[in-house]
Amino acid sequence: MITIDPRSATPPFEQLRVQLLEQVGSGELPAGARLPTVRRLAEDLGLAANTVARAYRELEADGFIQTRGRNGSFVAPQGEAAERQAQEAARAYVDRVSKLGISRAEALRFVTGALGS
């Protein structure tokens, strides 16, 4: 959950940017997670759309999110090349099993079995 303190000396776009960074770093927002649209998040937080857009632009410039045109903004894979590829593979797996109607528990069971653990 993101909260903006209007009394803070820190500008709202920076408060938003930092909180999104924390969520990416903690894994709360995993690689491939879709972010709310600029307008939606601005509305939800009571901010101007330009404020949210600035935070998104800065996060994108720093490599934390990717904007895919009309498809929206997504959390970018983080870490070393192997970690990024593993995150991308995990996101592809999640997308595929979701389309197949596989439950989370079943999907995790398949991964555990494939890892031999």
PDB file of N, CA and C in Angstrom:
ATOM      1  N   MET A   1       0.843  -1.180   0.000  1.00  0.00           N
ATOM      2  CA  MET A   1       0.000   0.000   0.000  1.00  0.00           C
ATOM      3  C   MET A   1       0.882   1.234   0.000  1.00  0.00           C
ATOM      4  N   ILE A   2       0.528   2.159  -0.823  1.00  0.00           N
ATOM      5  CA  ILE A   2       1.300   3.390  -0.963  1.00  0.00           C
ATOM      6  C   ILE A   2       0.538   4.516  -0.286  1.00  0.00           C
ATOM      7  N   THR A   3       1.273   5.300   0.496  1.00  0.00           N
ATOM      8  CA  THR A   3       0.673   6.463   1.135  1.00  0.00           C
ATOM      9  C   THR A   3       1.558   7.677   0.864  1.00  0.00           C
ATOM     10  N   ILE A   4       0.915   8.775   0.604  1.00  0.00           N
ATOM     11  CA  ILE A   4       1.614  10.031   0.352  1.00  0.00           C
ATOM     12  C   ILE A   4       1.282  10.983   1.485  1.00  0.00           C
ATOM     13  N   ASP A   5       2.331  11.528   2.091  1.00  0.00           N
ATOM     14  CA  ASP A   5       2.160  12.483   3.184  1.00  0.00           C
ATOM     15  C   ASP A   5       2.276  13.896   2.619  1.00  0.00           C
ATOM     16  N   PRO A   6       1.153  14.615   2.502  1.00  0.00           N
ATOM     17  CA  PRO A   6       1.194  15.953   1.911  1.00  0.00           C
ATOM     18  C   PRO A   6       1.973  16.965   2.755  1.00  0.00           C
ATOM     19  N   ARG A   7       2.204  16.645   4.032  1.00  0.00           N
ATOM     20  CA  ARG A   7       2.947  17.566   4.907  1.00  0.00           C
ATOM     21  C   ARG A   7       4.449  17.332   4.858  1.00  0.00           C
ATOM     22  N   SER A   8       4.869  16.266   4.195  1.00  0.00           N
ATOM     23  CA  SER A   8       6.284  15.924   4.126  1.00  0.00           C
ATOM     24  C   SER A   8       7.047  16.922   3.264  1.00  0.00           C
ATOM     25  N   ALA A   9       8.303  17.142   3.636  1.00  0.00           N
ATOM     26  CA  ALA A   9       9.180  17.997   2.841  1.00  0.00           C
ATOM     27  C   ALA A   9       9.600  17.288   1.547  1.00  0.00           C
ATOM     28  N   THR A  10       9.443  15.976   1.508  1.00  0.00           N
ATOM     29  CA  THR A  10       9.777  15.186   0.324  1.00  0.00           C
ATOM     30  C   THR A  10       8.642  15.322  -0.691  1.00  0.00           C
ATOM     31  N   PRO A  11       8.972  15.671  -1.935  1.00  0.00           N
ATOM     32  CA  PRO A  11       7.917  15.833  -2.946  1.00  0.00           C
ATOM     33  C   PRO A  11       7.121  14.537  -3.145  1.00  0.00           C
ATOM     34  N   PRO A  12       5.853  14.654  -3.483  1.00  0.00           N
ATOM     35  CA  PRO A  12       5.009  13.469  -3.664  1.00  0.00           C
ATOM     36  C   PRO A  12       5.562  12.463  -4.672  1.00  0.00           C
ATOM     37  N   PHE A  13       6.127  12.938  -5.797  1.00  0.00           N
ATOM     38  CA  PHE A  13       6.647  11.986  -6.779  1.00  0.00           C
ATOM     39  C   PHE A  13       7.787  11.170  -6.189  1.00  0.00           C
ATOM     40  N   GLU A  14       8.584  11.785  -5.336  1.00  0.00           N
ATOM     41  CA  GLU A  14       9.709  11.082  -4.713  1.00  0.00           C
ATOM     42  C   GLU A  14       9.213  10.095  -3.657  1.00  0.00           C
ATOM     43  N   GLN A  15       8.188  10.472  -2.909  1.00  0.00           N
ATOM     44  CA  GLN A  15       7.596   9.533  -1.950  1.00  0.00           C
ATOM     45  C   GLN A  15       7.079   8.299  -2.679  1.00  0.00           C
ATOM     46  N   LEU A  16       6.409   8.516  -3.801  1.00  0.00           N
ATOM     47  CA  LEU A  16       5.881   7.415  -4.593  1.00  0.00           C
ATOM     48  C   LEU A  16       7.010   6.567  -5.154  1.00  0.00           C
ATOM     49  N   ARG A  17       8.017   7.206  -5.720  1.00  0.00           N
ATOM     50  CA  ARG A  17       9.150   6.488  -6.314  1.00  0.00           C
ATOM     51  C   ARG A  17       9.830   5.599  -5.286  1.00  0.00           C
ATOM     52  N   VAL A  18      10.093   6.140  -4.115  1.00  0.00           N
ATOM     53  CA  VAL A  18      10.784   5.397  -3.056  1.00  0.00           C
ATOM     54  C   VAL A  18       9.934   4.209  -2.590  1.00  0.00           C
ATOM     55  N   GLN A  19       8.649   4.423  -2.416  1.00  0.00           N
ATOM     56  CA  GLN A  19       7.787   3.327  -1.954  1.00  0.00           C
ATOM     57  C   GLN A  19       7.687   2.212  -2.994  1.00  0.00           C
ATOM     58  N   LEU A  20       7.633   2.576  -4.267  1.00  0.00           N
ATOM     59  CA  LEU A  20       7.620   1.553  -5.310  1.00  0.00           C
ATOM     60  C   LEU A  20       8.951   0.800  -5.340  1.00  0.00           C
ATOM     61  N   LEU A  21      10.063   1.518  -5.171  1.00  0.00           N
ATOM     62  CA  LEU A  21      11.375   0.866  -5.104  1.00  0.00           C
ATOM     63  C   LEU A  21      11.441  -0.128  -3.954  1.00  0.00           C
ATOM     64  N   GLU A  22      10.914   0.266  -2.804  1.00  0.00           N
ATOM     65  CA  GLU A  22      10.902  -0.630  -1.646  1.00  0.00           C
ATOM     66  C   GLU A  22      10.077  -1.883  -1.931  1.00  0.00           C
ATOM     67  N   GLN A  23       8.956  -1.715  -2.603  1.00  0.00           N
ATOM     68  CA  GLN A  23       8.100  -2.865  -2.923  1.00  0.00           C
ATOM     69  C   GLN A  23       8.776  -3.792  -3.939  1.00  0.00           C
ATOM     70  N   VAL A  24       9.519  -3.221  -4.876  1.00  0.00           N
ATOM     71  CA  VAL A  24      10.257  -4.043  -5.837  1.00  0.00           C
ATOM     72  C   VAL A  24      11.378  -4.779  -5.104  1.00  0.00           C
ATOM     73  N   GLY A  25      12.121  -4.062  -4.255  1.00  0.00           N
ATOM     74  CA  GLY A  25      13.230  -4.656  -3.519  1.00  0.00           C
ATOM     75  C   GLY A  25      12.809  -5.764  -2.575  1.00  0.00           C
ATOM     76  N   SER A  26      11.645  -5.633  -1.969  1.00  0.00           N
ATOM     77  CA  SER A  26      11.168  -6.636  -1.018  1.00  0.00           C
ATOM     78  C   SER A  26      10.519  -7.834  -1.709  1.00  0.00           C
ATOM     79  N   GLY A  27      10.253  -7.690  -3.005  1.00  0.00           N
ATOM     80  CA  GLY A  27       9.566  -8.765  -3.721  1.00  0.00           C
ATOM     81  C   GLY A  27       8.055  -8.646  -3.668  1.00  0.00           C
ATOM     82  N   GLU A  28       7.566  -7.651  -2.940  1.00  0.00           N
ATOM     83  CA  GLU A  28       6.120  -7.423  -2.892  1.00  0.00           C
ATOM     84  C   GLU A  28       5.589  -7.145  -4.303  1.00  0.00           C
ATOM     85  N   LEU A  29       6.411  -6.448  -5.106  1.00  0.00           N
ATOM     86  CA  LEU A  29       6.116  -6.253  -6.527  1.00  0.00           C
ATOM     87  C   LEU A  29       7.161  -7.060  -7.303  1.00  0.00           C
ATOM     88  N   PRO A  30       6.832  -8.283  -7.704  1.00  0.00           N
ATOM     89  CA  PRO A  30       7.809  -9.129  -8.393  1.00  0.00           C
ATOM     90  C   PRO A  30       7.995  -8.724  -9.853  1.00  0.00           C
ATOM     91  N   ALA A  31       9.063  -9.213 -10.447  1.00  0.00           N
ATOM     92  CA  ALA A  31       9.314  -8.963 -11.870  1.00  0.00           C
ATOM     93  C   ALA A  31       8.093  -9.383 -12.680  1.00  0.00           C
ATOM     94  N   GLY A  32       7.714  -8.513 -13.596  1.00  0.00           N
ATOM     95  CA  GLY A  32       6.565  -8.794 -14.454  1.00  0.00           C
ATOM     96  C   GLY A  32       5.242  -8.306 -13.916  1.00  0.00           C
ATOM     97  N   ALA A  33       5.209  -7.879 -12.654  1.00  0.00           N
ATOM     98  CA  ALA A  33       3.951  -7.390 -12.084  1.00  0.00           C
ATOM     99  C   ALA A  33       3.517  -6.123 -12.817  1.00  0.00           C
ATOM    100  N   ARG A  34       2.252  -6.075 -13.143  1.00  0.00           N
ATOM    101  CA  ARG A  34       1.712  -4.901 -13.831  1.00  0.00           C
ATOM    102  C   ARG A  34       1.405  -3.813 -12.813  1.00  0.00           C
ATOM    103  N   LEU A  35       1.829  -2.609 -13.115  1.00  0.00           N
ATOM    104  CA  LEU A  35       1.561  -1.462 -12.247  1.00  0.00           C
ATOM    105  C   LEU A  35       0.245  -0.809 -12.682  1.00  0.00           C
ATOM    106  N   PRO A  36      -0.388  -0.120 -11.751  1.00  0.00           N
ATOM    107  CA  PRO A  36      -1.610   0.602 -12.129  1.00  0.00           C
ATOM    108  C   PRO A  36      -1.285   1.655 -13.191  1.00  0.00           C
ATOM    109  N   THR A  37      -2.274   2.007 -13.982  1.00  0.00           N
ATOM    110  CA  THR A  37      -2.054   3.088 -14.947  1.00  0.00           C
ATOM    111  C   THR A  37      -1.762   4.373 -14.190  1.00  0.00           C
ATOM    112  N   VAL A  38      -1.136   5.303 -14.877  1.00  0.00           N
ATOM    113  CA  VAL A  38      -0.814   6.596 -14.270  1.00  0.00           C
ATOM    114  C   VAL A  38      -2.084   7.256 -13.756  1.00  0.00           C
ATOM    115  N   ARG A  39      -3.101   7.276 -14.574  1.00  0.00           N
ATOM    116  CA  ARG A  39      -4.355   7.935 -14.172  1.00  0.00           C
ATOM    117  C   ARG A  39      -4.991   7.250 -12.968  1.00  0.00           C
ATOM    118  N   ARG A  40      -5.010   5.907 -12.988  1.00  0.00           N
ATOM    119  CA  ARG A  40      -5.629   5.166 -11.887  1.00  0.00           C
ATOM    120  C   ARG A  40      -4.903   5.426 -10.580  1.00  0.00           C
ATOM    121  N   LEU A  41      -3.561   5.319 -10.601  1.00  0.00           N
ATOM    122  CA  LEU A  41      -2.790   5.521  -9.379  1.00  0.00           C
ATOM    123  C   LEU A  41      -2.909   6.964  -8.893  1.00  0.00           C
ATOM    124  N   ALA A  42      -2.885   7.907  -9.827  1.00  0.00           N
ATOM    125  CA  ALA A  42      -3.043   9.315  -9.449  1.00  0.00           C
ATOM    126  C   ALA A  42      -4.387   9.533  -8.767  1.00  0.00           C
ATOM    127  N   GLU A  43      -5.417   8.947  -9.328  1.00  0.00           N
ATOM    128  CA  GLU A  43      -6.757   9.065  -8.745  1.00  0.00           C
ATOM    129  C   GLU A  43      -6.809   8.421  -7.359  1.00  0.00           C
ATOM    130  N   ASP A  44      -6.242   7.212  -7.251  1.00  0.00           N
ATOM    131  CA  ASP A  44      -6.258   6.495  -5.976  1.00  0.00           C
ATOM    132  C   ASP A  44      -5.511   7.243  -4.877  1.00  0.00           C
ATOM    133  N   LEU A  45      -4.419   7.924  -5.255  1.00  0.00           N
ATOM    134  CA  LEU A  45      -3.592   8.619  -4.264  1.00  0.00           C
ATOM    135  C   LEU A  45      -3.937  10.093  -4.111  1.00  0.00           C
ATOM    136  N   GLY A  46      -4.843  10.593  -4.942  1.00  0.00           N
ATOM    137  CA  GLY A  46      -5.208  12.012  -4.879  1.00  0.00           C
ATOM    138  C   GLY A  46      -4.082  12.909  -5.380  1.00  0.00           C
ATOM    139  N   LEU A  47      -3.360  12.434  -6.392  1.00  0.00           N
ATOM    140  CA  LEU A  47      -2.249  13.187  -6.963  1.00  0.00           C
ATOM    141  C   LEU A  47      -2.571  13.593  -8.397  1.00  0.00           C
ATOM    142  N   ALA A  48      -1.798  14.527  -8.908  1.00  0.00           N
ATOM    143  CA  ALA A  48      -1.907  14.875 -10.318  1.00  0.00           C
ATOM    144  C   ALA A  48      -1.282  13.759 -11.144  1.00  0.00           C
ATOM    145  N   ALA A  49      -1.834  13.509 -12.319  1.00  0.00           N
ATOM    146  CA  ALA A  49      -1.303  12.455 -13.190  1.00  0.00           C
ATOM    147  C   ALA A  49       0.164  12.709 -13.529  1.00  0.00           C
ATOM    148  N   ASN A  50       0.546  13.969 -13.691  1.00  0.00           N
ATOM    149  CA  ASN A  50       1.941  14.295 -14.013  1.00  0.00           C
ATOM    150  C   ASN A  50       2.889  13.893 -12.888  1.00  0.00           C
ATOM    151  N   THR A  51       2.421  13.916 -11.659  1.00  0.00           N
ATOM    152  CA  THR A  51       3.241  13.516 -10.510  1.00  0.00           C
ATOM    153  C   THR A  51       3.565  12.026 -10.588  1.00  0.00           C
ATOM    154  N   VAL A  52       2.542  11.216 -10.857  1.00  0.00           N
ATOM    155  CA  VAL A  52       2.745   9.774 -10.989  1.00  0.00           C
ATOM    156  C   VAL A  52       3.584   9.483 -12.227  1.00  0.00           C
ATOM    157  N   ALA A  53       3.307  10.173 -13.315  1.00  0.00           N
ATOM    158  CA  ALA A  53       4.066   9.963 -14.551  1.00  0.00           C
ATOM    159  C   ALA A  53       5.545  10.251 -14.327  1.00  0.00           C
ATOM    160  N   ARG A  54       5.863  11.265 -13.557  1.00  0.00           N
ATOM    161  CA  ARG A  54       7.266  11.585 -13.280  1.00  0.00           C
ATOM    162  C   ARG A  54       7.931  10.459 -12.492  1.00  0.00           C
ATOM    163  N   ALA A  55       7.245   9.939 -11.485  1.00  0.00           N
ATOM    164  CA  ALA A  55       7.798   8.824 -10.703  1.00  0.00           C
ATOM    165  C   ALA A  55       8.025   7.619 -11.608  1.00  0.00           C
ATOM    166  N   TYR A  56       7.077   7.307 -12.463  1.00  0.00           N
ATOM    167  CA  TYR A  56       7.213   6.178 -13.393  1.00  0.00           C
ATOM    168  C   TYR A  56       8.383   6.409 -14.353  1.00  0.00           C
ATOM    169  N   ARG A  57       8.511   7.626 -14.893  1.00  0.00           N
ATOM    170  CA  ARG A  57       9.610   7.922 -15.821  1.00  0.00           C
ATOM    171  C   ARG A  57      10.962   7.717 -15.150  1.00  0.00           C
ATOM    172  N   GLU A  58      11.086   8.180 -13.915  1.00  0.00           N
ATOM    173  CA  GLU A  58      12.355   8.028 -13.203  1.00  0.00           C
ATOM    174  C   GLU A  58      12.644   6.568 -12.899  1.00  0.00           C
ATOM    175  N   LEU A  59      11.629   5.813 -12.518  1.00  0.00           N
ATOM    176  CA  LEU A  59      11.813   4.378 -12.268  1.00  0.00           C
ATOM    177  C   LEU A  59      12.194   3.651 -13.553  1.00  0.00           C
ATOM    178  N   GLU A  60      11.614   4.070 -14.654  1.00  0.00           N
ATOM    179  CA  GLU A  60      11.961   3.449 -15.931  1.00  0.00           C
ATOM    180  C   GLU A  60      13.394   3.803 -16.333  1.00  0.00           C
ATOM    181  N   ALA A  61      13.782   5.054 -16.152  1.00  0.00           N
ATOM    182  CA  ALA A  61      15.151   5.480 -16.491  1.00  0.00           C
ATOM    183  C   ALA A  61      16.182   4.715 -15.669  1.00  0.00           C
ATOM    184  N   ASP A  62      15.817   4.357 -14.443  1.00  0.00           N
ATOM    185  CA  ASP A  62      16.731   3.616 -13.562  1.00  0.00           C
ATOM    186  C   ASP A  62      16.640   2.103 -13.755  1.00  0.00           C
ATOM    187  N   GLY A  63      15.757   1.646 -14.657  1.00  0.00           N
ATOM    188  CA  GLY A  63      15.669   0.225 -14.975  1.00  0.00           C
ATOM    189  C   GLY A  63      14.802  -0.600 -14.036  1.00  0.00           C
ATOM    190  N   PHE A  64      13.965   0.040 -13.242  1.00  0.00           N
ATOM    191  CA  PHE A  64      13.120  -0.702 -12.311  1.00  0.00           C
ATOM    192  C   PHE A  64      11.767  -1.071 -12.888  1.00  0.00           C
ATOM    193  N   ILE A  65      11.308  -0.295 -13.856  1.00  0.00           N
ATOM    194  CA  ILE A  65      10.054  -0.647 -14.521  1.00  0.00           C
ATOM    195  C   ILE A  65      10.255  -0.541 -16.026  1.00  0.00           C
ATOM    196  N   GLN A  66       9.351  -1.178 -16.756  1.00  0.00           N
ATOM    197  CA  GLN A  66       9.337  -1.114 -18.210  1.00  0.00           C
ATOM    198  C   GLN A  66       7.953  -0.651 -18.632  1.00  0.00           C
ATOM    199  N   THR A  67       7.905   0.283 -19.564  1.00  0.00           N
ATOM    200  CA  THR A  67       6.624   0.719 -20.095  1.00  0.00           C
ATOM    201  C   THR A  67       6.482   0.120 -21.482  1.00  0.00           C
ATOM    202  N   ARG A  68       5.363  -0.540 -21.706  1.00  0.00           N
ATOM    203  CA  ARG A  68       5.112  -1.233 -22.972  1.00  0.00           C
ATOM    204  C   ARG A  68       3.961  -0.578 -23.717  1.00  0.00           C
ATOM    205  N   GLY A  69       4.103   0.704 -23.945  1.00  0.00           N
ATOM    206  CA  GLY A  69       3.085   1.442 -24.693  1.00  0.00           C
ATOM    207  C   GLY A  69       1.718   1.325 -24.076  1.00  0.00           C
ATOM    208  N   ARG A  70       0.739   0.982 -24.886  1.00  0.00           N
ATOM    209  CA  ARG A  70      -0.644   0.863 -24.422  1.00  0.00           C
ATOM    210  C   ARG A  70      -0.862  -0.334 -23.506  1.00  0.00           C
ATOM    211  N   ASN A  71       0.119  -1.241 -23.459  1.00  0.00           N
ATOM    212  CA  ASN A  71      -0.016  -2.418 -22.591  1.00  0.00           C
ATOM    213  C   ASN A  71       0.251  -2.084 -21.127  1.00  0.00           C
ATOM    214  N   GLY A  72       0.834  -0.930 -20.850  1.00  0.00           N
ATOM    215  CA  GLY A  72       1.044  -0.507 -19.477  1.00  0.00           C
ATOM    216  C   GLY A  72       2.478  -0.576 -19.014  1.00  0.00           C
ATOM    217  N   SER A  73       2.646  -0.428 -17.711  1.00  0.00           N
ATOM    218  CA  SER A  73       3.963  -0.446 -17.080  1.00  0.00           C
ATOM    219  C   SER A  73       4.078  -1.675 -16.192  1.00  0.00           C
ATOM    220  N   PHE A  74       5.261  -2.271 -16.205  1.00  0.00           N
ATOM    221  CA  PHE A  74       5.508  -3.517 -15.491  1.00  0.00           C
ATOM    222  C   PHE A  74       6.822  -3.429 -14.737  1.00  0.00           C
ATOM    223  N   VAL A  75       6.943  -4.192 -13.661  1.00  0.00           N
ATOM    224  CA  VAL A  75       8.192  -4.258 -12.909  1.00  0.00           C
ATOM    225  C   VAL A  75       9.198  -5.007 -13.775  1.00  0.00           C
ATOM    226  N   ALA A  76      10.370  -4.425 -13.931  1.00  0.00           N
ATOM    227  CA  ALA A  76      11.436  -5.034 -14.727  1.00  0.00           C
ATOM    228  C   ALA A  76      12.183  -6.073 -13.896  1.00  0.00           C
ATOM    229  N   PRO A  77      12.669  -7.128 -14.550  1.00  0.00           N
ATOM    230  CA  PRO A  77      13.516  -8.082 -13.828  1.00  0.00           C
ATOM    231  C   PRO A  77      14.734  -7.360 -13.260  1.00  0.00           C
ATOM    232  N   GLN A  78      15.193  -7.790 -12.084  1.00  0.00           N
ATOM    233  CA  GLN A  78      16.304  -7.135 -11.401  1.00  0.00           C
ATOM    234  C   GLN A  78      17.450  -8.116 -11.204  1.00  0.00           C
ATOM    235  N   GLY A  79      18.638  -7.590 -10.922  1.00  0.00           N
ATOM    236  CA  GLY A  79      19.777  -8.419 -10.570  1.00  0.00           C
ATOM    237  C   GLY A  79      20.676  -8.734 -11.754  1.00  0.00           C
ATOM    238  N   GLU A  80      21.491  -9.751 -11.569  1.00  0.00           N
ATOM    239  CA  GLU A  80      22.419 -10.193 -12.605  1.00  0.00           C
ATOM    240  C   GLU A  80      21.657 -10.820 -13.764  1.00  0.00           C
ATOM    241  N   ALA A  81      22.351 -11.044 -14.868  1.00  0.00           N
ATOM    242  CA  ALA A  81      21.709 -11.568 -16.078  1.00  0.00           C
ATOM    243  C   ALA A  81      20.974 -12.876 -15.813  1.00  0.00           C
ATOM    244  N   ALA A  82      21.605 -13.802 -15.087  1.00  0.00           N
ATOM    245  CA  ALA A  82      20.959 -15.091 -14.810  1.00  0.00           C
ATOM    246  C   ALA A  82      19.706 -14.900 -13.956  1.00  0.00           C
ATOM    247  N   GLU A  83      19.768 -14.012 -12.986  1.00  0.00           N
ATOM    248  CA  GLU A  83      18.606 -13.743 -12.143  1.00  0.00           C
ATOM    249  C   GLU A  83      17.479 -13.135 -12.963  1.00  0.00           C
ATOM    250  N   ARG A  84      17.811 -12.203 -13.848  1.00  0.00           N
ATOM    251  CA  ARG A  84      16.787 -11.570 -14.687  1.00  0.00           C
ATOM    252  C   ARG A  84      16.118 -12.608 -15.586  1.00  0.00           C
ATOM    253  N   GLN A  85      16.924 -13.505 -16.173  1.00  0.00           N
ATOM    254  CA  GLN A  85      16.360 -14.531 -17.039  1.00  0.00           C
ATOM    255  C   GLN A  85      15.474 -15.487 -16.248  1.00  0.00           C
ATOM    256  N   ALA A  86      15.888 -15.822 -15.037  1.00  0.00           N
ATOM    257  CA  ALA A  86      15.070 -16.704 -14.195  1.00  0.00           C
ATOM    258  C   ALA A  86      13.754 -16.017 -13.830  1.00  0.00           C
ATOM    259  N   GLN A  87      13.808 -14.726 -13.528  1.00  0.00           N
ATOM    260  CA  GLN A  87      12.589 -13.982 -13.213  1.00  0.00           C
ATOM    261  C   GLN A  87      11.661 -13.940 -14.418  1.00  0.00           C
ATOM    262  N   GLU A  88      12.224 -13.739 -15.610  1.00  0.00           N
ATOM    263  CA  GLU A  88      11.408 -13.707 -16.823  1.00  0.00           C
ATOM    264  C   GLU A  88      10.775 -15.077 -17.072  1.00  0.00           C
ATOM    265  N   ALA A  89      11.551 -16.144 -16.854  1.00  0.00           N
ATOM    266  CA  ALA A  89      11.023 -17.497 -17.033  1.00  0.00           C
ATOM    267  C   ALA A  89       9.907 -17.781 -16.025  1.00  0.00           C
ATOM    268  N   ALA A  90      10.102 -17.327 -14.791  1.00  0.00           N
ATOM    269  CA  ALA A  90       9.080 -17.524 -13.763  1.00  0.00           C
ATOM    270  C   ALA A  90       7.797 -16.794 -14.142  1.00  0.00           C
ATOM    271  N   ARG A  91       7.925 -15.574 -14.629  1.00  0.00           N
ATOM    272  CA  ARG A  91       6.744 -14.805 -15.029  1.00  0.00           C
ATOM    273  C   ARG A  91       6.036 -15.502 -16.196  1.00  0.00           C
ATOM    274  N   ALA A  92       6.800 -16.023 -17.158  1.00  0.00           N
ATOM    275  CA  ALA A  92       6.199 -16.731 -18.287  1.00  0.00           C
ATOM    276  C   ALA A  92       5.457 -17.980 -17.798  1.00  0.00           C
ATOM    277  N   TYR A  93       6.051 -18.685 -16.829  1.00  0.00           N
ATOM    278  CA  TYR A  93       5.410 -19.876 -16.265  1.00  0.00           C
ATOM    279  C   TYR A  93       4.100 -19.508 -15.572  1.00  0.00           C
ATOM    280  N   VAL A  94       4.137 -18.458 -14.777  1.00  0.00           N
ATOM    281  CA  VAL A  94       2.934 -18.017 -14.065  1.00  0.00           C
ATOM    282  C   VAL A  94       1.838 -17.642 -15.065  1.00  0.00           C
ATOM    283  N   ASP A  95       2.219 -16.911 -16.102  1.00  0.00           N
ATOM    284  CA  ASP A  95       1.225 -16.528 -17.109  1.00  0.00           C
ATOM    285  C   ASP A  95       0.618 -17.758 -17.771  1.00  0.00           C
ATOM    286  N   ARG A  96       1.457 -18.740 -18.092  1.00  0.00           N
ATOM    287  CA  ARG A  96       0.979 -19.944 -18.774  1.00  0.00           C
ATOM    288  C   ARG A  96       0.062 -20.781 -17.888  1.00  0.00           C
ATOM    289  N   VAL A  97       0.476 -21.043 -16.636  1.00  0.00           N
ATOM    290  CA  VAL A  97      -0.362 -21.878 -15.773  1.00  0.00           C
ATOM    291  C   VAL A  97      -1.666 -21.169 -15.423  1.00  0.00           C
ATOM    292  N   SER A  98      -1.624 -19.849 -15.354  1.00  0.00           N
ATOM    293  CA  SER A  98      -2.863 -19.099 -15.111  1.00  0.00           C
ATOM    294  C   SER A  98      -3.839 -19.300 -16.255  1.00  0.00           C
ATOM    295  N   LYS A  99      -3.327 -19.238 -17.480  1.00  0.00           N
ATOM    296  CA  LYS A  99      -4.184 -19.441 -18.652  1.00  0.00           C
ATOM    297  C   LYS A  99      -4.737 -20.862 -18.702  1.00  0.00           C
ATOM    298  N   LEU A 100      -3.990 -21.800 -18.137  1.00  0.00           N
ATOM    299  CA  LEU A 100      -4.437 -23.195 -18.116  1.00  0.00           C
ATOM    300  C   LEU A 100      -5.388 -23.498 -16.967  1.00  0.00           C
ATOM    301  N   GLY A 101      -5.549 -22.532 -16.062  1.00  0.00           N
ATOM    302  CA  GLY A 101      -6.440 -22.727 -14.924  1.00  0.00           C
ATOM    303  C   GLY A 101      -5.829 -23.545 -13.805  1.00  0.00           C
ATOM    304  N   ILE A 102      -4.510 -23.611 -13.768  1.00  0.00           N
ATOM    305  CA  ILE A 102      -3.797 -24.366 -12.734  1.00  0.00           C
ATOM    306  C   ILE A 102      -3.749 -23.529 -11.456  1.00  0.00           C
ATOM    307  N   SER A 103      -4.035 -24.148 -10.315  1.00  0.00           N
ATOM    308  CA  SER A 103      -4.008 -23.418  -9.050  1.00  0.00           C
ATOM    309  C   SER A 103      -2.566 -23.092  -8.650  1.00  0.00           C
ATOM    310  N   ARG A 104      -2.438 -22.156  -7.754  1.00  0.00           N
ATOM    311  CA  ARG A 104      -1.118 -21.778  -7.238  1.00  0.00           C
ATOM    312  C   ARG A 104      -0.426 -22.981  -6.591  1.00  0.00           C
ATOM    313  N   ALA A 105      -1.181 -23.729  -5.776  1.00  0.00           N
ATOM    314  CA  ALA A 105      -0.603 -24.890  -5.085  1.00  0.00           C
ATOM    315  C   ALA A 105      -0.097 -25.925  -6.092  1.00  0.00           C
ATOM    316  N   GLU A 106      -0.886 -26.171  -7.135  1.00  0.00           N
ATOM    317  CA  GLU A 106      -0.457 -27.134  -8.153  1.00  0.00           C
ATOM    318  C   GLU A 106       0.777 -26.630  -8.894  1.00  0.00           C
ATOM    319  N   ALA A 107       0.770 -25.356  -9.244  1.00  0.00           N
ATOM    320  CA  ALA A 107       1.908 -24.776  -9.963  1.00  0.00           C
ATOM    321  C   ALA A 107       3.184 -24.891  -9.133  1.00  0.00           C
ATOM    322  N   LEU A 108       3.083 -24.603  -7.838  1.00  0.00           N
ATOM    323  CA  LEU A 108       4.251 -24.732  -6.959  1.00  0.00           C
ATOM    324  C   LEU A 108       4.696 -26.185  -6.835  1.00  0.00           C
ATOM    325  N   ARG A 109       3.730 -27.088  -6.805  1.00  0.00           N
ATOM    326  CA  ARG A 109       4.061 -28.518  -6.741  1.00  0.00           C
ATOM    327  C   ARG A 109       4.837 -28.941  -7.985  1.00  0.00           C
ATOM    328  N   PHE A 110       4.424 -28.449  -9.143  1.00  0.00           N
ATOM    329  CA  PHE A 110       5.125 -28.781 -10.394  1.00  0.00           C
ATOM    330  C   PHE A 110       6.555 -28.250 -10.379  1.00  0.00           C
ATOM    331  N   VAL A 111       6.724 -27.040  -9.892  1.00  0.00           N
ATOM    332  CA  VAL A 111       8.073 -26.443  -9.830  1.00  0.00           C
ATOM    333  C   VAL A 111       8.938 -27.217  -8.854  1.00  0.00           C
ATOM    334  N   THR A 112       8.400 -27.534  -7.693  1.00  0.00           N
ATOM    335  CA  THR A 112       9.157 -28.293  -6.695  1.00  0.00           C
ATOM    336  C   THR A 112       9.576 -29.649  -7.260  1.00  0.00           C
ATOM    337  N   GLY A 113       8.669 -30.298  -7.941  1.00  0.00           N
ATOM    338  CA  GLY A 113       8.976 -31.580  -8.564  1.00  0.00           C
ATOM    339  C   GLY A 113      10.060 -31.441  -9.635  1.00  0.00           C
ATOM    340  N   ALA A 114       9.963 -30.400 -10.439  1.00  0.00           N
ATOM    341  CA  ALA A 114      10.953 -30.192 -11.499  1.00  0.00           C
ATOM    342  C   ALA A 114      12.335 -29.887 -10.928  1.00  0.00           C
ATOM    343  N   LEU A 115      12.368 -29.236  -9.778  1.00  0.00           N
ATOM    344  CA  LEU A 115      13.650 -28.932  -9.124  1.00  0.00           C
ATOM    345  C   LEU A 115      14.221 -30.128  -8.388  1.00  0.00           C
ATOM    346  N   GLY A 116      13.391 -31.150  -8.208  1.00  0.00           N
ATOM    347  CA  GLY A 116      13.849 -32.349  -7.518  1.00  0.00           C
ATOM    348  C   GLY A 116      13.950 -32.197  -6.017  1.00  0.00           C
ATOM    349  N   SER A 117      13.187 -31.255  -5.472  1.00  0.00           N
ATOM    350  CA  SER A 117      13.233 -31.014  -4.028  1.00  0.00           C
ATOM    351  C   SER A 117      12.040 -31.607  -3.342  1.00  0.00           C
TER     352      SER A 117
END
